[in-house]
């Protein structure tokens, strides 16, 4: 799943910080963090890249990882008995996987890379560590993800992007 892209990529949490600052859409992940807090958050995140066409999240999987998108685009598909139906697109400065992260329920849709992407993952274990060591930072991340869920639920086309 996390195969490297052909060219070596440089990962720096400042790229994620810049992507979130540039995303002014209703689908943006918007934590209110200063540079020091972004650097601290970066120590809890795992950066990786996916190629176009790779599946990041599979519908009905029990994984609870949340993914922050630095660059590229992901598409969200609900798989029914008639095949795939594209439901939403998620781009840099946003997140996917927040639904299962909070609910502990299986994934509600499949997420696939529409283009090469740079992502940062936050697992429940790393979030627990963040909560224990940096509670104010963890609260801000939880509130920003909760805000994203709320905005997606209010937007019918984006509703199923809550994976």
N, C-alpha and C. Protein backbone atom coordinates (compact mmCIF):
# COMPACT_ATOMS: atom_id res chain seq x y z
N UNK A 1 0.82 -1.19 0.00
CA UNK A 1 0.00 0.00 0.00
C UNK A 1 0.87 1.25 0.00
N UNK A 2 1.94 1.33 0.76
CA UNK A 2 2.73 2.54 0.89
C UNK A 2 3.99 2.46 0.04
N UNK A 3 3.88 2.00 -1.17
CA UNK A 3 5.03 1.87 -2.07
C UNK A 3 5.60 3.24 -2.39
N UNK A 4 6.92 3.33 -2.50
CA UNK A 4 7.52 4.62 -2.82
C UNK A 4 7.21 5.03 -4.26
N UNK A 5 7.23 6.33 -4.48
CA UNK A 5 7.06 6.85 -5.83
C UNK A 5 8.40 6.81 -6.55
N UNK A 6 8.42 6.92 -7.88
CA UNK A 6 9.67 6.80 -8.63
C UNK A 6 10.77 7.76 -8.18
N UNK A 7 10.42 9.01 -7.92
CA UNK A 7 11.42 9.98 -7.50
C UNK A 7 11.41 10.09 -5.98
N UNK A 8 12.59 10.17 -5.36
CA UNK A 8 12.60 10.34 -3.91
C UNK A 8 11.87 11.63 -3.52
N UNK A 9 11.06 11.55 -2.51
CA UNK A 9 10.30 12.71 -2.04
C UNK A 9 10.87 13.18 -0.72
N UNK A 10 10.82 14.48 -0.52
CA UNK A 10 11.23 15.08 0.75
C UNK A 10 9.97 15.34 1.56
N UNK A 11 9.96 14.90 2.80
CA UNK A 11 8.83 15.14 3.67
C UNK A 11 9.26 16.07 4.80
N UNK A 12 8.47 17.09 5.00
CA UNK A 12 8.67 18.04 6.08
C UNK A 12 7.28 18.49 6.49
N UNK A 13 7.01 18.46 7.77
CA UNK A 13 5.66 18.80 8.23
C UNK A 13 5.26 20.22 7.83
N UNK A 14 6.22 21.06 7.48
CA UNK A 14 5.89 22.40 6.99
C UNK A 14 5.09 22.33 5.69
N UNK A 15 5.33 21.30 4.88
CA UNK A 15 4.54 21.12 3.66
C UNK A 15 3.09 20.87 3.99
N UNK A 16 2.83 20.08 5.02
CA UNK A 16 1.46 19.82 5.46
C UNK A 16 0.85 21.09 6.04
N UNK A 17 1.62 21.81 6.82
CA UNK A 17 1.15 23.07 7.39
C UNK A 17 0.74 24.04 6.28
N UNK A 18 1.56 24.16 5.25
CA UNK A 18 1.27 25.05 4.13
C UNK A 18 0.04 24.58 3.35
N UNK A 19 -0.10 23.27 3.18
CA UNK A 19 -1.27 22.74 2.46
C UNK A 19 -2.56 23.06 3.20
N UNK A 20 -2.55 22.93 4.51
CA UNK A 20 -3.76 23.24 5.28
C UNK A 20 -4.06 24.73 5.23
N UNK A 21 -3.01 25.56 5.22
CA UNK A 21 -3.22 27.02 5.15
C UNK A 21 -3.78 27.44 3.79
N UNK A 22 -3.43 26.71 2.73
CA UNK A 22 -3.90 27.04 1.38
C UNK A 22 -5.32 26.55 1.10
N UNK A 23 -5.77 25.56 1.82
CA UNK A 23 -7.09 24.98 1.55
C UNK A 23 -8.17 25.81 2.25
N UNK A 24 -8.82 26.67 1.48
CA UNK A 24 -9.87 27.53 2.02
C UNK A 24 -11.26 26.99 1.70
N UNK A 25 -11.33 25.73 1.25
CA UNK A 25 -12.62 25.14 0.92
C UNK A 25 -13.31 24.66 2.19
N UNK A 26 -14.56 24.30 2.05
CA UNK A 26 -15.31 23.75 3.19
C UNK A 26 -14.75 22.40 3.63
N UNK A 27 -13.92 21.80 2.79
CA UNK A 27 -13.36 20.48 3.08
C UNK A 27 -11.96 20.56 3.70
N UNK A 28 -11.54 21.74 4.12
CA UNK A 28 -10.20 21.90 4.67
C UNK A 28 -10.09 21.41 6.11
N UNK A 29 -8.93 20.86 6.42
CA UNK A 29 -8.55 20.50 7.80
C UNK A 29 -7.90 21.75 8.37
N UNK A 30 -8.46 22.32 9.44
CA UNK A 30 -8.04 23.63 9.90
C UNK A 30 -7.66 23.70 11.37
N UNK A 31 -6.65 22.99 11.79
CA UNK A 31 -6.23 23.15 13.19
C UNK A 31 -5.60 24.53 13.39
N UNK A 32 -5.80 25.10 14.54
CA UNK A 32 -5.21 26.41 14.87
C UNK A 32 -3.91 26.15 15.63
N UNK A 33 -2.84 25.95 14.86
CA UNK A 33 -1.54 25.60 15.45
C UNK A 33 -0.49 26.62 15.06
N UNK A 34 0.45 26.86 15.97
CA UNK A 34 1.60 27.68 15.62
C UNK A 34 2.70 26.77 15.07
N UNK A 35 3.78 27.35 14.60
CA UNK A 35 4.87 26.58 13.98
C UNK A 35 5.44 25.53 14.93
N UNK A 36 5.60 25.88 16.19
CA UNK A 36 6.14 24.93 17.17
C UNK A 36 5.19 23.74 17.36
N UNK A 37 3.90 24.01 17.38
CA UNK A 37 2.92 22.94 17.53
C UNK A 37 2.90 22.04 16.30
N UNK A 38 3.05 22.63 15.10
CA UNK A 38 3.12 21.80 13.89
C UNK A 38 4.33 20.87 13.97
N UNK A 39 5.46 21.40 14.40
CA UNK A 39 6.67 20.58 14.53
C UNK A 39 6.45 19.44 15.52
N UNK A 40 5.80 19.75 16.63
CA UNK A 40 5.50 18.72 17.63
C UNK A 40 4.55 17.67 17.05
N UNK A 41 3.51 18.12 16.36
CA UNK A 41 2.57 17.18 15.74
C UNK A 41 3.31 16.26 14.76
N UNK A 42 4.23 16.84 14.00
CA UNK A 42 4.98 16.05 13.03
C UNK A 42 5.71 14.87 13.63
N UNK A 43 6.08 14.95 14.89
CA UNK A 43 6.77 13.82 15.54
C UNK A 43 5.83 12.66 15.83
N UNK A 44 4.53 12.89 15.75
CA UNK A 44 3.53 11.84 15.99
C UNK A 44 2.94 11.29 14.69
N UNK A 45 3.26 11.93 13.58
CA UNK A 45 2.73 11.52 12.28
C UNK A 45 3.75 10.70 11.51
N UNK A 46 3.26 9.82 10.64
CA UNK A 46 4.12 9.03 9.76
C UNK A 46 3.89 9.48 8.33
N UNK A 47 4.91 10.05 7.67
CA UNK A 47 4.73 10.47 6.28
C UNK A 47 4.92 9.30 5.32
N UNK A 48 4.18 9.32 4.24
CA UNK A 48 4.38 8.33 3.19
C UNK A 48 3.70 8.79 1.91
N UNK A 49 4.00 8.12 0.84
CA UNK A 49 3.46 8.48 -0.47
C UNK A 49 2.68 7.31 -1.04
N UNK A 50 1.68 7.64 -1.86
CA UNK A 50 0.94 6.61 -2.61
C UNK A 50 0.93 7.01 -4.08
N UNK A 51 0.92 5.99 -4.91
CA UNK A 51 0.86 6.20 -6.36
C UNK A 51 -0.58 6.35 -6.81
N UNK A 52 -0.73 6.94 -7.97
CA UNK A 52 -2.05 7.03 -8.57
C UNK A 52 -2.63 5.62 -8.69
N UNK A 53 -3.86 5.45 -8.31
CA UNK A 53 -4.54 4.16 -8.40
C UNK A 53 -4.45 3.31 -7.15
N UNK A 54 -3.52 3.61 -6.25
CA UNK A 54 -3.40 2.80 -5.03
C UNK A 54 -4.59 3.04 -4.11
N UNK A 55 -5.04 1.98 -3.46
CA UNK A 55 -6.12 2.07 -2.49
C UNK A 55 -5.51 2.38 -1.13
N UNK A 56 -6.01 3.43 -0.51
CA UNK A 56 -5.54 3.84 0.81
C UNK A 56 -6.41 3.23 1.90
N UNK A 57 -7.72 3.28 1.70
CA UNK A 57 -8.69 2.76 2.67
C UNK A 57 -9.66 1.85 1.93
N UNK A 58 -9.93 0.68 2.49
CA UNK A 58 -10.90 -0.23 1.89
C UNK A 58 -12.19 -0.22 2.69
N UNK A 59 -13.30 -0.14 1.96
CA UNK A 59 -14.61 -0.18 2.60
C UNK A 59 -14.71 -1.43 3.47
N UNK A 60 -15.27 -1.27 4.65
CA UNK A 60 -15.49 -2.32 5.65
C UNK A 60 -14.24 -2.73 6.42
N UNK A 61 -13.08 -2.13 6.14
CA UNK A 61 -11.87 -2.44 6.90
C UNK A 61 -12.02 -1.89 8.32
N UNK A 62 -11.32 -2.49 9.26
CA UNK A 62 -11.45 -2.07 10.66
C UNK A 62 -10.34 -1.12 11.11
N UNK A 63 -9.47 -0.72 10.22
CA UNK A 63 -8.39 0.21 10.56
C UNK A 63 -8.96 1.56 10.97
N UNK A 64 -8.35 2.23 11.95
CA UNK A 64 -8.84 3.51 12.45
C UNK A 64 -7.87 4.66 12.19
N UNK A 65 -6.89 4.47 11.34
CA UNK A 65 -5.93 5.52 11.06
C UNK A 65 -6.58 6.68 10.33
N UNK A 66 -6.20 7.89 10.69
CA UNK A 66 -6.65 9.09 9.97
C UNK A 66 -5.47 9.56 9.13
N UNK A 67 -5.76 10.06 7.93
CA UNK A 67 -4.72 10.48 6.99
C UNK A 67 -4.89 11.97 6.68
N UNK A 68 -3.80 12.71 6.80
CA UNK A 68 -3.78 14.13 6.46
C UNK A 68 -3.12 14.24 5.10
N UNK A 69 -3.77 14.96 4.19
CA UNK A 69 -3.31 15.03 2.80
C UNK A 69 -2.47 16.29 2.60
N UNK A 70 -1.19 16.08 2.26
CA UNK A 70 -0.32 17.22 1.96
C UNK A 70 -0.47 17.63 0.51
N UNK A 71 -0.44 16.67 -0.40
CA UNK A 71 -0.58 17.00 -1.82
C UNK A 71 -1.21 15.83 -2.56
N UNK A 72 -1.74 16.14 -3.74
CA UNK A 72 -2.39 15.12 -4.55
C UNK A 72 -3.89 15.11 -4.30
N UNK A 73 -4.54 14.12 -4.88
CA UNK A 73 -6.00 14.01 -4.76
C UNK A 73 -6.39 12.56 -4.54
N UNK A 74 -7.38 12.37 -3.69
CA UNK A 74 -7.94 11.06 -3.39
C UNK A 74 -9.41 11.08 -3.79
N UNK A 75 -9.92 9.94 -4.26
CA UNK A 75 -11.34 9.83 -4.52
C UNK A 75 -11.95 8.84 -3.54
N UNK A 76 -13.17 9.13 -3.16
CA UNK A 76 -13.90 8.30 -2.20
C UNK A 76 -15.01 7.61 -2.95
N UNK A 77 -15.09 6.28 -2.81
CA UNK A 77 -16.07 5.46 -3.52
C UNK A 77 -16.85 4.61 -2.53
N UNK A 78 -18.13 4.53 -2.74
CA UNK A 78 -18.96 3.59 -2.01
C UNK A 78 -19.19 2.42 -2.95
N UNK A 79 -18.92 1.23 -2.47
CA UNK A 79 -19.09 0.04 -3.31
C UNK A 79 -20.42 -0.63 -2.97
N UNK A 80 -21.30 -0.66 -3.94
CA UNK A 80 -22.57 -1.35 -3.75
C UNK A 80 -22.63 -2.57 -4.65
N UNK A 81 -23.78 -3.20 -4.74
CA UNK A 81 -23.89 -4.42 -5.54
C UNK A 81 -23.76 -4.15 -7.03
N UNK A 82 -23.79 -2.90 -7.46
CA UNK A 82 -23.65 -2.57 -8.87
C UNK A 82 -22.26 -2.07 -9.23
N UNK A 83 -21.36 -2.05 -8.29
CA UNK A 83 -19.99 -1.59 -8.56
C UNK A 83 -19.68 -0.30 -7.85
N UNK A 84 -18.64 0.36 -8.30
CA UNK A 84 -18.18 1.58 -7.65
C UNK A 84 -18.95 2.80 -8.12
N UNK A 85 -19.16 3.70 -7.18
CA UNK A 85 -19.79 4.97 -7.45
C UNK A 85 -18.91 6.04 -6.82
N UNK A 86 -18.35 6.94 -7.61
CA UNK A 86 -17.52 8.00 -7.08
C UNK A 86 -18.40 8.98 -6.32
N UNK A 87 -17.99 9.26 -5.11
CA UNK A 87 -18.80 10.12 -4.27
C UNK A 87 -18.16 11.47 -3.98
N UNK A 88 -16.87 11.50 -3.79
CA UNK A 88 -16.22 12.73 -3.39
C UNK A 88 -14.76 12.70 -3.76
N UNK A 89 -14.16 13.88 -3.76
CA UNK A 89 -12.73 14.02 -3.98
C UNK A 89 -12.15 14.77 -2.79
N UNK A 90 -10.97 14.35 -2.34
CA UNK A 90 -10.30 14.98 -1.20
C UNK A 90 -8.92 15.38 -1.66
N UNK A 91 -8.55 16.63 -1.41
CA UNK A 91 -7.28 17.16 -1.92
C UNK A 91 -6.40 17.67 -0.78
N UNK A 92 -5.24 18.19 -1.16
CA UNK A 92 -4.27 18.68 -0.19
C UNK A 92 -4.89 19.64 0.81
N UNK A 93 -4.46 19.53 2.05
CA UNK A 93 -4.99 20.37 3.11
C UNK A 93 -6.24 19.84 3.75
N UNK A 94 -6.59 18.59 3.43
CA UNK A 94 -7.76 17.97 4.03
C UNK A 94 -7.35 16.67 4.70
N UNK A 95 -8.33 15.85 5.05
CA UNK A 95 -8.07 14.59 5.75
C UNK A 95 -9.09 13.55 5.33
N UNK A 96 -8.73 12.29 5.49
CA UNK A 96 -9.67 11.17 5.29
C UNK A 96 -9.46 10.17 6.42
N UNK A 97 -10.49 9.43 6.70
CA UNK A 97 -10.40 8.39 7.72
C UNK A 97 -10.86 8.83 9.08
N UNK A 98 -11.37 10.06 9.18
CA UNK A 98 -11.76 10.59 10.48
C UNK A 98 -13.00 9.90 11.05
N UNK A 99 -13.86 9.37 10.18
CA UNK A 99 -15.07 8.70 10.67
C UNK A 99 -14.74 7.49 11.53
N UNK A 100 -13.95 6.58 11.00
CA UNK A 100 -13.57 5.38 11.76
C UNK A 100 -12.67 5.73 12.93
N UNK A 101 -11.87 6.77 12.78
CA UNK A 101 -10.99 7.23 13.86
C UNK A 101 -11.81 7.52 15.11
N UNK A 102 -12.93 8.23 14.92
CA UNK A 102 -13.77 8.59 16.06
C UNK A 102 -14.74 7.48 16.48
N UNK A 103 -15.34 6.79 15.52
CA UNK A 103 -16.42 5.86 15.85
C UNK A 103 -15.97 4.45 16.19
N UNK A 104 -14.78 4.07 15.72
CA UNK A 104 -14.29 2.69 15.87
C UNK A 104 -15.12 1.71 15.03
N UNK A 105 -15.92 2.24 14.11
CA UNK A 105 -16.70 1.41 13.20
C UNK A 105 -15.88 1.09 11.96
N UNK A 106 -16.28 0.08 11.19
CA UNK A 106 -15.58 -0.21 9.93
C UNK A 106 -15.66 0.97 8.97
N UNK A 107 -14.73 1.02 8.05
CA UNK A 107 -14.69 2.08 7.04
C UNK A 107 -15.96 2.05 6.21
N UNK A 108 -16.50 3.21 5.90
CA UNK A 108 -17.76 3.30 5.17
C UNK A 108 -17.59 3.39 3.67
N UNK A 109 -16.36 3.60 3.21
CA UNK A 109 -16.11 3.75 1.77
C UNK A 109 -14.67 3.38 1.47
N UNK A 110 -14.37 3.27 0.20
CA UNK A 110 -13.01 3.02 -0.27
C UNK A 110 -12.41 4.36 -0.70
N UNK A 111 -11.14 4.56 -0.36
CA UNK A 111 -10.43 5.77 -0.75
C UNK A 111 -9.24 5.35 -1.60
N UNK A 112 -9.14 5.95 -2.77
CA UNK A 112 -8.11 5.59 -3.75
C UNK A 112 -7.42 6.86 -4.24
N UNK A 113 -6.13 6.76 -4.53
CA UNK A 113 -5.37 7.90 -5.03
C UNK A 113 -5.76 8.20 -6.47
N UNK A 114 -6.26 9.41 -6.71
CA UNK A 114 -6.57 9.85 -8.07
C UNK A 114 -5.31 10.36 -8.76
N UNK A 115 -4.32 10.72 -7.96
CA UNK A 115 -3.01 11.14 -8.43
C UNK A 115 -1.99 10.74 -7.36
N UNK A 116 -0.72 10.90 -7.65
CA UNK A 116 0.29 10.64 -6.63
C UNK A 116 0.04 11.57 -5.45
N UNK A 117 0.17 11.05 -4.24
CA UNK A 117 -0.14 11.84 -3.05
C UNK A 117 0.97 11.74 -2.01
N UNK A 118 1.14 12.83 -1.29
CA UNK A 118 1.96 12.85 -0.08
C UNK A 118 0.99 12.93 1.08
N UNK A 119 1.09 11.98 2.00
CA UNK A 119 0.16 11.86 3.11
C UNK A 119 0.92 11.77 4.43
N UNK A 120 0.20 12.02 5.50
CA UNK A 120 0.71 11.85 6.85
C UNK A 120 -0.34 11.06 7.62
N UNK A 121 0.06 9.98 8.27
CA UNK A 121 -0.92 9.16 8.99
C UNK A 121 -0.79 9.38 10.50
N UNK A 122 -1.92 9.29 11.16
CA UNK A 122 -1.99 9.37 12.61
C UNK A 122 -2.80 8.17 13.09
N UNK A 123 -2.13 7.24 13.73
CA UNK A 123 -2.80 6.05 14.25
C UNK A 123 -3.42 6.34 15.62
N UNK A 124 -4.39 5.56 16.03
CA UNK A 124 -4.96 5.74 17.36
C UNK A 124 -3.91 5.63 18.48
N UNK A 125 -2.94 4.75 18.31
CA UNK A 125 -1.89 4.60 19.33
C UNK A 125 -1.07 5.88 19.45
N UNK A 126 -0.67 6.44 18.30
CA UNK A 126 0.11 7.68 18.32
C UNK A 126 -0.74 8.85 18.84
N UNK A 127 -2.05 8.85 18.54
CA UNK A 127 -2.92 9.90 19.06
C UNK A 127 -3.03 9.79 20.58
N UNK A 128 -3.10 8.58 21.10
CA UNK A 128 -3.13 8.38 22.55
C UNK A 128 -1.86 8.91 23.19
N UNK A 129 -0.71 8.63 22.56
CA UNK A 129 0.55 9.17 23.06
C UNK A 129 0.52 10.70 23.04
N UNK A 130 0.03 11.28 21.95
CA UNK A 130 -0.08 12.73 21.84
C UNK A 130 -0.99 13.27 22.94
N UNK A 131 -2.10 12.60 23.19
CA UNK A 131 -3.04 13.02 24.23
C UNK A 131 -2.39 13.02 25.60
N UNK A 132 -1.59 11.98 25.88
CA UNK A 132 -0.93 11.88 27.18
C UNK A 132 0.19 12.91 27.36
N UNK A 133 0.91 13.21 26.29
CA UNK A 133 2.08 14.08 26.39
C UNK A 133 1.80 15.53 26.05
N UNK A 134 0.86 15.77 25.14
CA UNK A 134 0.53 17.12 24.66
C UNK A 134 -1.00 17.26 24.57
N UNK A 135 -1.69 17.27 25.72
CA UNK A 135 -3.16 17.25 25.67
C UNK A 135 -3.79 18.43 24.92
N UNK A 136 -3.24 19.61 25.03
CA UNK A 136 -3.83 20.76 24.33
C UNK A 136 -3.70 20.60 22.82
N UNK A 137 -2.58 20.08 22.37
CA UNK A 137 -2.37 19.83 20.94
C UNK A 137 -3.32 18.74 20.45
N UNK A 138 -3.46 17.68 21.22
CA UNK A 138 -4.36 16.59 20.85
C UNK A 138 -5.80 17.08 20.78
N UNK A 139 -6.18 17.93 21.72
CA UNK A 139 -7.54 18.48 21.71
C UNK A 139 -7.77 19.31 20.45
N UNK A 140 -6.79 20.12 20.07
CA UNK A 140 -6.94 20.94 18.86
C UNK A 140 -7.08 20.07 17.61
N UNK A 141 -6.32 18.98 17.53
CA UNK A 141 -6.42 18.07 16.39
C UNK A 141 -7.80 17.41 16.38
N UNK A 142 -8.26 16.96 17.54
CA UNK A 142 -9.59 16.33 17.62
C UNK A 142 -10.68 17.32 17.24
N UNK A 143 -10.57 18.56 17.69
CA UNK A 143 -11.58 19.56 17.35
C UNK A 143 -11.56 19.88 15.86
N UNK A 144 -10.38 19.97 15.26
CA UNK A 144 -10.29 20.26 13.82
C UNK A 144 -10.86 19.11 13.01
N UNK A 145 -10.59 17.87 13.42
CA UNK A 145 -11.16 16.71 12.72
C UNK A 145 -12.67 16.66 12.93
N UNK A 146 -13.13 16.95 14.14
CA UNK A 146 -14.57 16.99 14.41
C UNK A 146 -15.27 18.06 13.59
N UNK A 147 -14.63 19.20 13.43
CA UNK A 147 -15.18 20.27 12.60
C UNK A 147 -15.29 19.81 11.14
N UNK A 148 -14.27 19.10 10.67
CA UNK A 148 -14.30 18.58 9.30
C UNK A 148 -15.46 17.59 9.12
N UNK A 149 -15.64 16.71 10.09
CA UNK A 149 -16.77 15.76 10.04
C UNK A 149 -18.09 16.53 9.96
N UNK A 150 -18.25 17.54 10.80
CA UNK A 150 -19.50 18.32 10.82
C UNK A 150 -19.76 19.00 9.49
N UNK A 151 -18.72 19.61 8.91
CA UNK A 151 -18.90 20.27 7.61
C UNK A 151 -19.22 19.28 6.52
N UNK A 152 -18.60 18.11 6.56
CA UNK A 152 -18.91 17.09 5.54
C UNK A 152 -20.32 16.56 5.69
N UNK A 153 -20.77 16.36 6.91
CA UNK A 153 -22.12 15.86 7.11
C UNK A 153 -23.18 16.86 6.66
N UNK A 154 -22.85 18.14 6.72
CA UNK A 154 -23.78 19.17 6.27
C UNK A 154 -23.80 19.34 4.76
N UNK A 155 -22.81 18.78 4.08
CA UNK A 155 -22.67 18.89 2.63
C UNK A 155 -22.97 17.53 2.01
N UNK A 156 -24.15 17.36 1.45
CA UNK A 156 -24.60 16.06 0.96
C UNK A 156 -23.57 15.32 0.08
N UNK A 157 -22.94 15.96 -0.92
CA UNK A 157 -21.95 15.24 -1.74
C UNK A 157 -20.72 14.79 -0.94
N UNK A 158 -20.36 15.52 0.10
CA UNK A 158 -19.17 15.19 0.88
C UNK A 158 -19.50 14.26 2.06
N UNK A 159 -20.76 14.05 2.32
CA UNK A 159 -21.19 13.29 3.50
C UNK A 159 -20.51 11.93 3.58
N UNK A 160 -20.40 11.24 2.46
CA UNK A 160 -19.80 9.91 2.50
C UNK A 160 -18.29 9.94 2.49
N UNK A 161 -17.69 11.15 2.40
CA UNK A 161 -16.24 11.25 2.54
C UNK A 161 -15.83 11.06 3.98
N UNK A 162 -16.78 10.97 4.90
CA UNK A 162 -16.49 10.68 6.30
C UNK A 162 -16.25 9.16 6.37
N UNK A 163 -15.00 8.77 6.20
CA UNK A 163 -14.65 7.36 6.13
C UNK A 163 -14.06 6.88 7.44
